[in-house]
C-alpha atoms as a PDB file:
ATOM      1  CA  MET A   1       0.000   0.000   0.000  1.00  0.00           C
ATOM      2  CA  SER A   2       1.472   3.348  -1.001  1.00  0.00           C
ATOM      3  CA  GLU A   3       1.090   6.510   1.033  1.00  0.00           C
ATOM      4  CA  HIS A   4      -0.057   9.770  -0.500  1.00  0.00           C
ATOM      5  CA  THR A   5       2.760  12.293  -0.313  1.00  0.00           C
ATOM      6  CA  GLU A   6       3.179  15.886  -1.431  1.00  0.00           C
ATOM      7  CA  ALA A   7       4.912  14.649  -4.607  1.00  0.00           C
ATOM      8  CA  ASP A   8       1.957  12.459  -5.600  1.00  0.00           C
ATOM      9  CA  PRO A   9      -0.341  14.118  -8.110  1.00  0.00           C
ATOM     10  CA  SER A  10      -3.812  14.976  -6.869  1.00  0.00           C
ATOM     11  CA  PRO A  11      -6.466  12.490  -7.988  1.00  0.00           C
ATOM     12  CA  TYR A  12      -8.313  15.601  -9.167  1.00  0.00           C
ATOM     13  CA  ALA A  13      -5.467  17.227 -11.126  1.00  0.00           C
ATOM     14  CA  ASP A  14      -7.233  16.568 -14.442  1.00  0.00           C
ATOM     15  CA  VAL A  15     -10.502  17.912 -13.024  1.00  0.00           C
ATOM     16  CA  GLU A  16      -8.785  21.080 -11.819  1.00  0.00           C
ATOM     17  CA  ALA A  17      -7.031  21.565 -15.165  1.00  0.00           C
ATOM     18  CA  ALA A  18     -10.269  21.160 -17.119  1.00  0.00           C
ATOM     19  CA  LEU A  19     -12.163  23.557 -14.852  1.00  0.00           C
ATOM     20  CA  ARG A  20      -9.331  26.111 -14.905  1.00  0.00           C
ATOM     21  CA  ASP A  21      -9.544  26.087 -18.712  1.00  0.00           C
ATOM     22  CA  GLU A  22     -13.344  26.217 -18.709  1.00  0.00           C
ATOM     23  CA  PHE A  23     -13.489  29.128 -16.261  1.00  0.00           C
ATOM     24  CA  ALA A  24     -10.399  31.026 -17.450  1.00  0.00           C
ATOM     25  CA  GLY A  25     -11.106  34.725 -17.265  1.00  0.00           C
ATOM     26  CA  VAL A  26     -13.946  34.115 -14.823  1.00  0.00           C
ATOM     27  CA  HIS A  27     -12.248  32.541 -11.794  1.00  0.00           C
ATOM     28  CA  SER A  28      -8.661  32.341 -10.595  1.00  0.00           C
ATOM     29  CA  ALA A  29      -6.845  29.018 -10.364  1.00  0.00           C
ATOM     30  CA  THR A  30      -7.020  29.359  -6.572  1.00  0.00           C
ATOM     31  CA  THR A  31     -10.808  29.629  -6.672  1.00  0.00           C
ATOM     32  CA  VAL A  32     -11.038  26.563  -8.898  1.00  0.00           C
ATOM     33  CA  THR A  33      -8.805  24.597  -6.523  1.00  0.00           C
ATOM     34  CA  ARG A  34     -10.913  25.637  -3.520  1.00  0.00           C
ATOM     35  CA  CYS A  35     -14.110  24.579  -5.284  1.00  0.00           C
ATOM     36  CA  VAL A  36     -12.621  21.203  -6.199  1.00  0.00           C
ATOM     37  CA  GLU A  37     -11.497  20.682  -2.598  1.00  0.00           C
ATOM     38  CA  ALA A  38     -14.919  21.698  -1.264  1.00  0.00           C
ATOM     39  CA  ALA A  39     -16.606  19.389  -3.759  1.00  0.00           C
ATOM     40  CA  HIS A  40     -14.339  16.527  -2.695  1.00  0.00           C
ATOM     41  CA  PHE A  41     -15.191  16.918   0.987  1.00  0.00           C
ATOM     42  CA  GLY A  42     -18.873  17.516   0.281  1.00  0.00           C
ATOM     43  CA  ALA A  43     -19.112  14.352  -1.810  1.00  0.00           C
ATOM     44  CA  LEU A  44     -17.416  12.344   0.928  1.00  0.00           C
ATOM     45  CA  GLU A  45     -19.811  13.666   3.566  1.00  0.00           C
ATOM     46  CA  VAL A  46     -22.947  13.083   1.534  1.00  0.00           C
ATOM     47  CA  THR A  47     -22.220   9.910  -0.427  1.00  0.00           C
ATOM     48  CA  GLY A  48     -19.199   8.389   1.290  1.00  0.00           C
ATOM     49  CA  TYR A  49     -17.090   8.474  -1.853  1.00  0.00           C
ATOM     50  CA  ALA A  50     -15.625  11.134  -4.123  1.00  0.00           C
ATOM     51  CA  HIS A  51     -15.183   9.816  -7.654  1.00  0.00           C
ATOM     52  CA  PRO A  52     -13.476  12.426  -9.861  1.00  0.00           C
ATOM     53  CA  SER A  53     -16.520  12.752 -12.144  1.00  0.00           C
ATOM     54  CA  LEU A  54     -18.761  13.513  -9.156  1.00  0.00           C
ATOM     55  CA  VAL A  55     -16.261  16.015  -7.776  1.00  0.00           C
ATOM     56  CA  GLU A  56     -16.063  17.676 -11.194  1.00  0.00           C
ATOM     57  CA  ARG A  57     -19.845  18.053 -11.463  1.00  0.00           C
ATOM     58  CA  ILE A  58     -20.142  19.516  -7.965  1.00  0.00           C
ATOM     59  CA  ALA A  59     -17.200  21.892  -8.436  1.00  0.00           C
ATOM     60  CA  ARG A  60     -18.570  23.066 -11.792  1.00  0.00           C
ATOM     61  CA  LYS A  61     -21.888  23.932 -10.129  1.00  0.00           C
ATOM     62  CA  HIS A  62     -20.038  25.842  -7.382  1.00  0.00           C
ATOM     63  CA  LEU A  63     -18.108  27.796 -10.018  1.00  0.00           C
ATOM     64  CA  HIS A  64     -21.281  28.611 -11.984  1.00  0.00           C
ATOM     65  CA  VAL A  65     -22.971  29.908  -8.829  1.00  0.00           C
ATOM     66  CA  LEU A  66     -19.946  32.031  -7.931  1.00  0.00           C
ATOM     67  CA  ALA A  67     -19.911  33.483 -11.460  1.00  0.00           C
ATOM     68  CA  LEU A  68     -23.610  34.286 -11.213  1.00  0.00           C
ATOM     69  CA  VAL A  69     -23.159  36.036  -7.867  1.00  0.00           C
ATOM     70  CA  ALA A  70     -20.218  38.036  -9.233  1.00  0.00           C
ATOM     71  CA  SER A  71     -22.219  39.116 -12.291  1.00  0.00           C
ATOM     72  CA  GLU A  72     -25.146  40.245 -10.129  1.00  0.00           C
ATOM     73  CA  ARG A  73     -22.848  42.380  -8.001  1.00  0.00           C
ATOM     74  CA  GLY A  74     -21.808  44.093 -11.203  1.00  0.00           C
END
């Protein structure tokens, strides 16, 4: 059994990269990372697992909501 270390890539690295590209110009990379992390923990709490596709869907919804709020603030 291998341990996860700082050098190991995140299991969500591809998810983060895709969402950074999708939301470029809307959200910073830091915001995308925070949404992915929040989605990961939320999925674990609610379903007991955090498959990358589930984390991606949740994080994308978070990012859409944040964009909507930002646009309403003008």
